[in-house]
Amino acid sequence: MKTLRTLFVSFSALALIVVGASPAWSLGAGTPKPWHYWIAPILALSFIFILIALMVGYYVKVLRPKYRGR
């Protein structure tokens, strides 16, 4: 189960990068754009999702057992 989840997350991240980078690749025929135009939104969203995952993980592992009388 853990391996399947890891593969799913890995392939989702790869798909997000490919989808996010496709506009930059299609614009490559005209004037070239710097690499940070297509990767900046991906990095920002990844940072937000990581923060949310950390908060949810902290709640599940620390706060919920503490207040449920464990």
C-alpha atoms as a PDB file:
ATOM      1  CA  MET A   1       0.000   0.000   0.000  1.00  0.00           C
ATOM      2  CA  LYS A   2       2.817   2.406   0.856  1.00  0.00           C
ATOM      3  CA  THR A   3       4.631   1.636  -2.390  1.00  0.00           C
ATOM      4  CA  LEU A   4       1.488   2.286  -4.397  1.00  0.00           C
ATOM      5  CA  ARG A   5       0.957   5.625  -2.657  1.00  0.00           C
ATOM      6  CA  THR A   6       4.583   6.621  -3.273  1.00  0.00           C
ATOM      7  CA  LEU A   7       4.308   5.755  -6.960  1.00  0.00           C
ATOM      8  CA  PHE A   8       1.066   7.697  -7.247  1.00  0.00           C
ATOM      9  CA  VAL A   9       2.596  10.807  -5.692  1.00  0.00           C
ATOM     10  CA  SER A  10       5.714  10.517  -7.861  1.00  0.00           C
ATOM     11  CA  PHE A  11       3.790  10.160 -11.097  1.00  0.00           C
ATOM     12  CA  SER A  12       1.399  12.957 -10.114  1.00  0.00           C
ATOM     13  CA  ALA A  13       4.327  15.300  -9.515  1.00  0.00           C
ATOM     14  CA  LEU A  14       5.881  14.320 -12.834  1.00  0.00           C
ATOM     15  CA  ALA A  15       2.579  14.870 -14.664  1.00  0.00           C
ATOM     16  CA  LEU A  16       2.191  18.278 -13.017  1.00  0.00           C
ATOM     17  CA  ILE A  17       5.659  19.303 -14.182  1.00  0.00           C
ATOM     18  CA  VAL A  18       4.994  18.116 -17.739  1.00  0.00           C
ATOM     19  CA  VAL A  19       1.625  19.890 -17.899  1.00  0.00           C
ATOM     20  CA  GLY A  20       3.082  23.050 -16.379  1.00  0.00           C
ATOM     21  CA  ALA A  21       6.070  23.025 -18.710  1.00  0.00           C
ATOM     22  CA  SER A  22       4.128  22.400 -21.910  1.00  0.00           C
ATOM     23  CA  PRO A  23       3.270  26.104 -22.474  1.00  0.00           C
ATOM     24  CA  ALA A  24       6.959  26.960 -22.193  1.00  0.00           C
ATOM     25  CA  TRP A  25       7.858  24.258 -24.707  1.00  0.00           C
ATOM     26  CA  SER A  26       5.229  25.426 -27.174  1.00  0.00           C
ATOM     27  CA  LEU A  27       6.461  29.023 -26.897  1.00  0.00           C
ATOM     28  CA  GLY A  28      10.008  27.876 -27.626  1.00  0.00           C
ATOM     29  CA  ALA A  29       9.543  28.409 -31.355  1.00  0.00           C
ATOM     30  CA  GLY A  30       9.207  32.185 -30.899  1.00  0.00           C
ATOM     31  CA  THR A  31      11.112  34.153 -28.338  1.00  0.00           C
ATOM     32  CA  PRO A  32      12.645  32.002 -25.642  1.00  0.00           C
ATOM     33  CA  LYS A  33      11.356  32.508 -22.111  1.00  0.00           C
ATOM     34  CA  PRO A  34      13.426  32.047 -18.974  1.00  0.00           C
ATOM     35  CA  TRP A  35      12.897  28.754 -17.171  1.00  0.00           C
ATOM     36  CA  HIS A  36      11.392  30.379 -14.078  1.00  0.00           C
ATOM     37  CA  TYR A  37       8.243  31.478 -15.923  1.00  0.00           C
ATOM     38  CA  TRP A  38       6.870  27.942 -16.027  1.00  0.00           C
ATOM     39  CA  ILE A  39       8.403  26.467 -12.868  1.00  0.00           C
ATOM     40  CA  ALA A  40       7.523  29.279 -10.443  1.00  0.00           C
ATOM     41  CA  PRO A  41       3.802  28.389 -10.144  1.00  0.00           C
ATOM     42  CA  ILE A  42       4.661  24.718  -9.705  1.00  0.00           C
ATOM     43  CA  LEU A  43       7.111  25.501  -6.910  1.00  0.00           C
ATOM     44  CA  ALA A  44       4.639  27.835  -5.204  1.00  0.00           C
ATOM     45  CA  LEU A  45       1.831  25.262  -5.284  1.00  0.00           C
ATOM     46  CA  SER A  46       4.181  22.544  -4.088  1.00  0.00           C
ATOM     47  CA  PHE A  47       5.231  24.697  -1.154  1.00  0.00           C
ATOM     48  CA  ILE A  48       1.604  25.343  -0.199  1.00  0.00           C
ATOM     49  CA  PHE A  49       0.698  21.639  -0.461  1.00  0.00           C
ATOM     50  CA  ILE A  50       3.722  20.655   1.631  1.00  0.00           C
ATOM     51  CA  LEU A  51       2.703  23.113   4.354  1.00  0.00           C
ATOM     52  CA  ILE A  52      -0.853  21.744   4.345  1.00  0.00           C
ATOM     53  CA  ALA A  53       0.449  18.168   4.518  1.00  0.00           C
ATOM     54  CA  LEU A  54       2.678  19.066   7.462  1.00  0.00           C
ATOM     55  CA  MET A  55      -0.216  20.673   9.322  1.00  0.00           C
ATOM     56  CA  VAL A  56      -2.521  17.719   8.709  1.00  0.00           C
ATOM     57  CA  GLY A  57       0.204  15.266   9.712  1.00  0.00           C
ATOM     58  CA  TYR A  58       0.883  17.187  12.920  1.00  0.00           C
ATOM     59  CA  TYR A  59      -2.804  17.154  13.764  1.00  0.00           C
ATOM     60  CA  VAL A  60      -3.169  13.428  13.076  1.00  0.00           C
ATOM     61  CA  LYS A  61      -0.014  12.336  14.905  1.00  0.00           C
ATOM     62  CA  VAL A  62       0.133  14.807  17.811  1.00  0.00           C
ATOM     63  CA  LEU A  63      -3.022  16.774  18.506  1.00  0.00           C
ATOM     64  CA  ARG A  64      -5.731  14.213  17.834  1.00  0.00           C
ATOM     65  CA  PRO A  65      -4.275  11.505  20.131  1.00  0.00           C
ATOM     66  CA  LYS A  66      -3.542  14.114  22.798  1.00  0.00           C
ATOM     67  CA  TYR A  67      -7.134  15.309  23.063  1.00  0.00           C
ATOM     68  CA  ARG A  68      -8.829  11.956  22.477  1.00  0.00           C
ATOM     69  CA  GLY A  69      -7.452  10.613  25.764  1.00  0.00           C
ATOM     70  CA  ARG A  70      -4.916   8.240  24.343  1.00  0.00           C
END
